[in-house]
Amino acid sequence: MSPAKKSVKTPAVKTPAVPKAPKRVKPPKSPYYEVRRSKIQGRGAFALLPIRKGKKIDEYWGQPITHEEADRRYDDNEGRHHTFLFVLDDDTVLDARYGGNDARFINHSCDPNCETEIEDGHIWIKAIKAITPETELAYDYRFEWQDEYEPEDVRYYACRCGTAKCRGTILRIPVYLRPTIKQWLAGNDVPLPKKPKKGVKPGAKKASLKKAASKKAPAKQPR
């Protein structure tokens, strides 16, 4: 009788673990407002609770990208579009289309009840006056002015806030250009005045350590 054969166990081959993709952090939802249709434009943010002056209402969230990438993603030459770009610093822009929260729906107003402020790399929306429930939240976008802008560019960024202080455009207009821009908005394409020489005005205040955040208008190509 032949001896019984011993069974040989084949060692199991361990498959290397596939690293899991990091979970995307979901932005927290602010209890102070909700998003609904707005008379200013598209959707807007409306207060649900009384908000005191100085209260931080929400943080502006978005994907950090370079200014060059922002200009690549949103080309004005392709027509008017809604962007959610916010300048964080000289190197970084937040694009709230990716990883953004409801703060991206807060509309512009030339007579705002909120402002934006940068603190330690975060952009905050803060109340600059007492806000009652059902009031639409808004801040001044202050889109960057570019010297190559022409009348049609100014009208392209028309403002629809409808307030008594409306300047007619979302762009941040230099003081010396305001009379000219008023003419452009009225349809009179008068030439631009010469740019005044830079100089420090007597008694000018130094910039605050807390910088005001600014919306970024996609760069237009010179014509």
C-alpha atoms as a PDB file:
ATOM      1  CA  MET A   1       0.000   0.000   0.000  1.00  0.00           C
ATOM      2  CA  SER A   2       1.462   3.331  -1.140  1.00  0.00           C
ATOM      3  CA  PRO A   3       1.856   6.087   1.443  1.00  0.00           C
ATOM      4  CA  ALA A   4      -0.777   8.804   1.389  1.00  0.00           C
ATOM      5  CA  LYS A   5       0.278  12.004  -0.373  1.00  0.00           C
ATOM      6  CA  LYS A   6       0.496  15.100   1.717  1.00  0.00           C
ATOM      7  CA  SER A   7      -1.486  18.047   0.424  1.00  0.00           C
ATOM      8  CA  VAL A   8       0.663  21.069  -0.319  1.00  0.00           C
ATOM      9  CA  LYS A   9      -0.885  24.432   0.424  1.00  0.00           C
ATOM     10  CA  THR A  10      -0.027  27.207  -2.016  1.00  0.00           C
ATOM     11  CA  PRO A  11       0.727  30.442  -0.154  1.00  0.00           C
ATOM     12  CA  ALA A  12      -1.807  33.116  -0.887  1.00  0.00           C
ATOM     13  CA  VAL A  13      -0.534  36.039  -2.968  1.00  0.00           C
ATOM     14  CA  LYS A  14      -1.418  39.293  -1.357  1.00  0.00           C
ATOM     15  CA  THR A  15      -2.765  41.907  -3.745  1.00  0.00           C
ATOM     16  CA  PRO A  16      -1.407  45.344  -2.944  1.00  0.00           C
ATOM     17  CA  ALA A  17      -4.088  47.555  -1.481  1.00  0.00           C
ATOM     18  CA  VAL A  18      -5.341  50.274  -3.790  1.00  0.00           C
ATOM     19  CA  PRO A  19      -5.220  53.599  -1.969  1.00  0.00           C
ATOM     20  CA  LYS A  20      -8.652  55.143  -1.554  1.00  0.00           C
ATOM     21  CA  ALA A  21      -9.268  58.523  -3.089  1.00  0.00           C
ATOM     22  CA  PRO A  22      -9.522  61.197  -0.426  1.00  0.00           C
ATOM     23  CA  LYS A  23     -13.090  62.148   0.389  1.00  0.00           C
ATOM     24  CA  ARG A  24     -14.108  65.614  -0.734  1.00  0.00           C
ATOM     25  CA  VAL A  25     -14.857  67.819   2.220  1.00  0.00           C
ATOM     26  CA  LYS A  26     -18.417  69.062   2.034  1.00  0.00           C
ATOM     27  CA  PRO A  27     -18.660  72.770   2.878  1.00  0.00           C
ATOM     28  CA  PRO A  28     -20.765  73.473   5.968  1.00  0.00           C
ATOM     29  CA  LYS A  29     -24.167  75.062   5.400  1.00  0.00           C
ATOM     30  CA  SER A  30     -24.790  78.457   6.959  1.00  0.00           C
ATOM     31  CA  PRO A  31     -27.973  78.699   9.082  1.00  0.00           C
ATOM     32  CA  TYR A  32     -28.351  82.409   8.343  1.00  0.00           C
ATOM     33  CA  TYR A  33     -29.676  82.286   4.772  1.00  0.00           C
ATOM     34  CA  GLU A  34     -31.132  80.163   1.993  1.00  0.00           C
ATOM     35  CA  VAL A  35     -30.828  80.287  -1.795  1.00  0.00           C
ATOM     36  CA  ARG A  36     -33.830  81.118  -3.988  1.00  0.00           C
ATOM     37  CA  ARG A  37     -34.719  83.086  -7.129  1.00  0.00           C
ATOM     38  CA  SER A  38     -33.535  86.694  -7.129  1.00  0.00           C
ATOM     39  CA  LYS A  39     -34.772  89.843  -8.863  1.00  0.00           C
ATOM     40  CA  ILE A  40     -31.163  90.969  -9.254  1.00  0.00           C
ATOM     41  CA  GLN A  41     -29.924  87.948 -11.191  1.00  0.00           C
ATOM     42  CA  GLY A  42     -30.529  84.196 -11.232  1.00  0.00           C
ATOM     43  CA  ARG A  43     -30.418  82.816  -7.722  1.00  0.00           C
ATOM     44  CA  GLY A  44     -29.645  84.843  -4.620  1.00  0.00           C
ATOM     45  CA  ALA A  45     -29.196  84.427  -0.868  1.00  0.00           C
ATOM     46  CA  PHE A  46     -31.980  85.545   1.489  1.00  0.00           C
ATOM     47  CA  ALA A  47     -31.712  85.968   5.249  1.00  0.00           C
ATOM     48  CA  LEU A  48     -33.603  83.453   7.383  1.00  0.00           C
ATOM     49  CA  LEU A  49     -32.716  85.023  10.722  1.00  0.00           C
ATOM     50  CA  PRO A  50     -31.991  88.516  12.019  1.00  0.00           C
ATOM     51  CA  ILE A  51     -28.291  89.189  11.405  1.00  0.00           C
ATOM     52  CA  ARG A  52     -26.437  91.783  13.460  1.00  0.00           C
ATOM     53  CA  LYS A  53     -23.871  94.186  12.027  1.00  0.00           C
ATOM     54  CA  GLY A  54     -20.386  92.660  12.036  1.00  0.00           C
ATOM     55  CA  LYS A  55     -21.615  89.046  12.011  1.00  0.00           C
ATOM     56  CA  LYS A  56     -19.678  86.559   9.870  1.00  0.00           C
ATOM     57  CA  ILE A  57     -22.443  85.005   7.782  1.00  0.00           C
ATOM     58  CA  ASP A  58     -20.492  82.448   5.770  1.00  0.00           C
ATOM     59  CA  GLU A  59     -17.110  81.548   4.296  1.00  0.00           C
ATOM     60  CA  TYR A  60     -16.590  81.543   0.526  1.00  0.00           C
ATOM     61  CA  TRP A  61     -15.454  78.062  -0.540  1.00  0.00           C
ATOM     62  CA  GLY A  62     -13.965  77.004  -3.863  1.00  0.00           C
ATOM     63  CA  GLN A  63     -11.166  75.168  -5.618  1.00  0.00           C
ATOM     64  CA  PRO A  64      -7.837  77.049  -5.325  1.00  0.00           C
ATOM     65  CA  ILE A  65      -6.399  77.714  -8.807  1.00  0.00           C
ATOM     66  CA  THR A  66      -3.928  80.111 -10.381  1.00  0.00           C
ATOM     67  CA  HIS A  67      -4.939  83.338 -12.122  1.00  0.00           C
ATOM     68  CA  GLU A  68      -3.739  81.816 -15.406  1.00  0.00           C
ATOM     69  CA  GLU A  69      -6.008  78.793 -14.952  1.00  0.00           C
ATOM     70  CA  ALA A  70      -8.939  81.089 -14.118  1.00  0.00           C
ATOM     71  CA  ASP A  71      -8.431  82.992 -17.383  1.00  0.00           C
ATOM     72  CA  ARG A  72      -8.182  79.702 -19.287  1.00  0.00           C
ATOM     73  CA  ARG A  73     -11.406  78.316 -17.803  1.00  0.00           C
ATOM     74  CA  TYR A  74     -13.510  81.420 -18.399  1.00  0.00           C
ATOM     75  CA  ASP A  75     -12.855  83.181 -21.689  1.00  0.00           C
ATOM     76  CA  ASP A  76     -15.032  86.266 -22.184  1.00  0.00           C
ATOM     77  CA  ASN A  77     -14.551  86.041 -25.949  1.00  0.00           C
ATOM     78  CA  GLU A  78     -16.851  83.001 -25.887  1.00  0.00           C
ATOM     79  CA  GLY A  79     -19.776  85.101 -24.661  1.00  0.00           C
ATOM     80  CA  ARG A  80     -21.283  86.130 -21.336  1.00  0.00           C
ATOM     81  CA  HIS A  81     -21.126  83.493 -18.639  1.00  0.00           C
ATOM     82  CA  HIS A  82     -21.601  83.204 -14.892  1.00  0.00           C
ATOM     83  CA  THR A  83     -18.342  82.712 -13.025  1.00  0.00           C
ATOM     84  CA  PHE A  84     -17.699  82.108  -9.349  1.00  0.00           C
ATOM     85  CA  LEU A  85     -14.118  83.367  -9.173  1.00  0.00           C
ATOM     86  CA  PHE A  86     -12.757  85.108  -6.095  1.00  0.00           C
ATOM     87  CA  VAL A  87      -9.265  86.536  -5.768  1.00  0.00           C
ATOM     88  CA  LEU A  88      -7.609  85.233  -2.594  1.00  0.00           C
ATOM     89  CA  ASP A  89      -4.135  86.685  -3.193  1.00  0.00           C
ATOM     90  CA  ASP A  90      -1.634  87.477  -5.966  1.00  0.00           C
ATOM     91  CA  ASP A  91      -1.192  83.768  -6.717  1.00  0.00           C
ATOM     92  CA  THR A  92      -4.538  82.162  -5.937  1.00  0.00           C
ATOM     93  CA  VAL A  93      -8.145  82.393  -7.094  1.00  0.00           C
ATOM     94  CA  LEU A  94     -11.014  80.356  -5.641  1.00  0.00           C
ATOM     95  CA  ASP A  95     -13.337  78.814  -8.223  1.00  0.00           C
ATOM     96  CA  ALA A  96     -16.595  78.038  -6.412  1.00  0.00           C
ATOM     97  CA  ARG A  97     -17.926  76.117  -9.401  1.00  0.00           C
ATOM     98  CA  TYR A  98     -15.803  73.288  -8.014  1.00  0.00           C
ATOM     99  CA  GLY A  99     -16.196  72.502  -4.310  1.00  0.00           C
ATOM    100  CA  GLY A 100     -18.090  75.724  -3.652  1.00  0.00           C
ATOM    101  CA  ASN A 101     -20.885  76.389  -1.197  1.00  0.00           C
ATOM    102  CA  ASP A 102     -24.032  78.532  -1.252  1.00  0.00           C
ATOM    103  CA  ALA A 103     -21.981  81.700  -0.689  1.00  0.00           C
ATOM    104  CA  ARG A 104     -21.330  81.701  -4.443  1.00  0.00           C
ATOM    105  CA  PHE A 105     -24.966  82.706  -5.016  1.00  0.00           C
ATOM    106  CA  ILE A 106     -24.757  85.956  -3.046  1.00  0.00           C
ATOM    107  CA  ASN A 107     -25.380  88.667  -5.635  1.00  0.00           C
ATOM    108  CA  HIS A 108     -23.722  92.012  -6.251  1.00  0.00           C
ATOM    109  CA  SER A 109     -25.117  95.362  -5.121  1.00  0.00           C
ATOM    110  CA  CYS A 110     -23.728  98.888  -5.365  1.00  0.00           C
ATOM    111  CA  ASP A 111     -25.419  99.556  -2.004  1.00  0.00           C
ATOM    112  CA  PRO A 112     -24.610  96.308  -0.181  1.00  0.00           C
ATOM    113  CA  ASN A 113     -25.512  95.004   3.266  1.00  0.00           C
ATOM    114  CA  CYS A 114     -22.459  92.727   3.379  1.00  0.00           C
ATOM    115  CA  GLU A 115     -18.762  92.891   2.631  1.00  0.00           C
ATOM    116  CA  THR A 116     -16.003  90.354   2.034  1.00  0.00           C
ATOM    117  CA  GLU A 117     -12.862  90.083   4.104  1.00  0.00           C
ATOM    118  CA  ILE A 118      -9.731  87.928   3.933  1.00  0.00           C
ATOM    119  CA  GLU A 119      -8.410  86.526   7.194  1.00  0.00           C
ATOM    120  CA  ASP A 120      -5.628  83.918   7.371  1.00  0.00           C
ATOM    121  CA  GLY A 121      -6.313  82.600   3.873  1.00  0.00           C
ATOM    122  CA  HIS A 122     -10.109  82.485   4.288  1.00  0.00           C
ATOM    123  CA  ILE A 123     -12.690  84.688   2.564  1.00  0.00           C
ATOM    124  CA  TRP A 124     -15.574  85.663   4.837  1.00  0.00           C
ATOM    125  CA  ILE A 125     -18.924  87.282   4.028  1.00  0.00           C
ATOM    126  CA  LYS A 126     -19.710  89.700   6.833  1.00  0.00           C
ATOM    127  CA  ALA A 127     -22.729  91.915   7.558  1.00  0.00           C
ATOM    128  CA  ILE A 128     -21.995  95.659   7.463  1.00  0.00           C
ATOM    129  CA  LYS A 129     -25.441  96.586   8.744  1.00  0.00           C
ATOM    130  CA  ALA A 130     -28.301  94.911  10.595  1.00  0.00           C
ATOM    131  CA  ILE A 131     -30.206  92.584   8.233  1.00  0.00           C
ATOM    132  CA  THR A 132     -33.807  91.501   8.745  1.00  0.00           C
ATOM    133  CA  PRO A 133     -35.232  88.123   7.618  1.00  0.00           C
ATOM    134  CA  GLU A 134     -36.280  87.860   3.950  1.00  0.00           C
ATOM    135  CA  THR A 135     -33.749  90.547   2.933  1.00  0.00           C
ATOM    136  CA  GLU A 136     -31.467  89.565   0.054  1.00  0.00           C
ATOM    137  CA  LEU A 137     -27.789  89.470   1.007  1.00  0.00           C
ATOM    138  CA  ALA A 138     -25.431  91.297  -1.329  1.00  0.00           C
ATOM    139  CA  TYR A 139     -21.932  92.735  -1.439  1.00  0.00           C
ATOM    140  CA  ASP A 140     -19.990  94.858  -3.926  1.00  0.00           C
ATOM    141  CA  TYR A 141     -18.162  92.492  -6.318  1.00  0.00           C
ATOM    142  CA  ARG A 142     -15.638  95.184  -7.296  1.00  0.00           C
ATOM    143  CA  PHE A 143     -14.599  93.396 -10.500  1.00  0.00           C
ATOM    144  CA  GLU A 144     -11.057  94.367 -11.476  1.00  0.00           C
ATOM    145  CA  TRP A 145     -10.770  97.302 -13.892  1.00  0.00           C
ATOM    146  CA  GLN A 146      -8.459  96.764 -16.874  1.00  0.00           C
ATOM    147  CA  ASP A 147      -7.041  99.632 -18.876  1.00  0.00           C
ATOM    148  CA  GLU A 148      -7.894  98.001 -22.218  1.00  0.00           C
ATOM    149  CA  TYR A 149     -11.636  97.988 -21.453  1.00  0.00           C
ATOM    150  CA  GLU A 150     -13.841  99.688 -24.034  1.00  0.00           C
ATOM    151  CA  PRO A 151     -17.461 100.929 -23.799  1.00  0.00           C
ATOM    152  CA  GLU A 152     -18.890  97.568 -24.824  1.00  0.00           C
ATOM    153  CA  ASP A 153     -16.892  95.858 -22.054  1.00  0.00           C
ATOM    154  CA  VAL A 154     -18.346  98.178 -19.412  1.00  0.00           C
ATOM    155  CA  ARG A 155     -21.863  97.545 -20.679  1.00  0.00           C
ATOM    156  CA  TYR A 156     -21.074  93.811 -20.761  1.00  0.00           C
ATOM    157  CA  TYR A 157     -20.663  93.966 -16.966  1.00  0.00           C
ATOM    158  CA  ALA A 158     -23.898  95.891 -16.414  1.00  0.00           C
ATOM    159  CA  CYS A 159     -25.274  96.021 -12.876  1.00  0.00           C
ATOM    160  CA  ARG A 160     -28.891  95.119 -12.121  1.00  0.00           C
ATOM    161  CA  CYS A 161     -29.004  95.827  -8.390  1.00  0.00           C
ATOM    162  CA  GLY A 162     -31.584  98.611  -8.904  1.00  0.00           C
ATOM    163  CA  THR A 163     -30.491 100.641  -5.851  1.00  0.00           C
ATOM    164  CA  ALA A 164     -30.346 104.443  -5.728  1.00  0.00           C
ATOM    165  CA  LYS A 165     -26.552 104.180  -5.506  1.00  0.00           C
ATOM    166  CA  CYS A 166     -26.213 101.901  -8.548  1.00  0.00           C
ATOM    167  CA  ARG A 167     -23.153 102.868 -10.623  1.00  0.00           C
ATOM    168  CA  GLY A 168     -24.441 100.902 -13.612  1.00  0.00           C
ATOM    169  CA  THR A 169     -21.646  98.352 -13.735  1.00  0.00           C
ATOM    170  CA  ILE A 170     -20.181  95.632 -11.517  1.00  0.00           C
ATOM    171  CA  LEU A 171     -16.687  96.861 -12.392  1.00  0.00           C
ATOM    172  CA  ARG A 172     -14.655  98.805  -9.834  1.00  0.00           C
ATOM    173  CA  ILE A 173     -14.232 102.111 -11.629  1.00  0.00           C
ATOM    174  CA  PRO A 174     -11.205 104.348 -10.883  1.00  0.00           C
ATOM    175  CA  VAL A 175     -12.284 107.769  -9.622  1.00  0.00           C
ATOM    176  CA  TYR A 176     -10.849 109.671 -12.602  1.00  0.00           C
ATOM    177  CA  LEU A 177     -12.895 107.503 -14.991  1.00  0.00           C
ATOM    178  CA  ARG A 178     -16.291 107.762 -13.333  1.00  0.00           C
ATOM    179  CA  PRO A 179     -17.616 110.672 -15.460  1.00  0.00           C
ATOM    180  CA  THR A 180     -16.464 108.883 -18.637  1.00  0.00           C
ATOM    181  CA  ILE A 181     -18.000 105.558 -17.619  1.00  0.00           C
ATOM    182  CA  LYS A 182     -21.279 107.330 -16.899  1.00  0.00           C
ATOM    183  CA  GLN A 183     -21.240 108.558 -20.508  1.00  0.00           C
ATOM    184  CA  TRP A 184     -20.436 105.067 -21.793  1.00  0.00           C
ATOM    185  CA  LEU A 185     -23.333 103.549 -19.880  1.00  0.00           C
ATOM    186  CA  ALA A 186     -25.625 106.183 -21.427  1.00  0.00           C
ATOM    187  CA  GLY A 187     -24.474 105.098 -24.895  1.00  0.00           C
ATOM    188  CA  ASN A 188     -22.062 107.984 -25.518  1.00  0.00           C
ATOM    189  CA  ASP A 189     -18.724 106.390 -26.396  1.00  0.00           C
ATOM    190  CA  VAL A 190     -16.498 109.345 -25.525  1.00  0.00           C
ATOM    191  CA  PRO A 191     -12.708 108.801 -25.450  1.00  0.00           C
ATOM    192  CA  LEU A 192     -10.935 107.878 -22.241  1.00  0.00           C
ATOM    193  CA  PRO A 193      -9.095 110.674 -20.419  1.00  0.00           C
ATOM    194  CA  LYS A 194      -5.374 110.374 -19.751  1.00  0.00           C
ATOM    195  CA  LYS A 195      -4.454 108.323 -16.725  1.00  0.00           C
ATOM    196  CA  PRO A 196      -3.222 110.601 -13.920  1.00  0.00           C
ATOM    197  CA  LYS A 197       0.240 110.101 -12.460  1.00  0.00           C
ATOM    198  CA  LYS A 198       0.363 107.982  -9.342  1.00  0.00           C
ATOM    199  CA  GLY A 199       0.949 109.802  -6.095  1.00  0.00           C
ATOM    200  CA  VAL A 200       0.178 109.457  -2.421  1.00  0.00           C
ATOM    201  CA  LYS A 201      -2.487 111.882  -1.271  1.00  0.00           C
ATOM    202  CA  PRO A 202      -1.771 113.784   1.958  1.00  0.00           C
ATOM    203  CA  GLY A 203      -3.394 112.110   4.944  1.00  0.00           C
ATOM    204  CA  ALA A 204      -4.006 108.855   3.075  1.00  0.00           C
ATOM    205  CA  LYS A 205      -4.677 105.928   5.403  1.00  0.00           C
ATOM    206  CA  LYS A 206      -2.577 102.780   5.322  1.00  0.00           C
ATOM    207  CA  ALA A 207      -4.218  99.577   4.168  1.00  0.00           C
ATOM    208  CA  SER A 208      -5.744  97.451   6.904  1.00  0.00           C
ATOM    209  CA  LEU A 209      -4.133  94.160   7.860  1.00  0.00           C
ATOM    210  CA  LYS A 210      -7.466  92.562   7.035  1.00  0.00           C
ATOM    211  CA  LYS A 211      -7.684  92.844   3.258  1.00  0.00           C
ATOM    212  CA  ALA A 212     -10.956  93.188   1.418  1.00  0.00           C
ATOM    213  CA  ALA A 213     -11.555  90.308  -0.976  1.00  0.00           C
ATOM    214  CA  SER A 214     -12.361  91.009  -4.590  1.00  0.00           C
ATOM    215  CA  LYS A 215     -14.292  89.167  -7.232  1.00  0.00           C
ATOM    216  CA  LYS A 216     -12.253  88.475 -10.346  1.00  0.00           C
ATOM    217  CA  ALA A 217     -13.545  89.417 -13.760  1.00  0.00           C
ATOM    218  CA  PRO A 218     -12.117  87.110 -16.440  1.00  0.00           C
ATOM    219  CA  ALA A 219      -9.497  88.938 -18.474  1.00  0.00           C
ATOM    220  CA  LYS A 220     -10.580  90.275 -21.843  1.00  0.00           C
ATOM    221  CA  GLN A 221      -8.197  90.240 -24.772  1.00  0.00           C
ATOM    222  CA  PRO A 222      -7.236  93.656 -26.251  1.00  0.00           C
ATOM    223  CA  ARG A 223      -9.013  94.328 -29.509  1.00  0.00           C
END
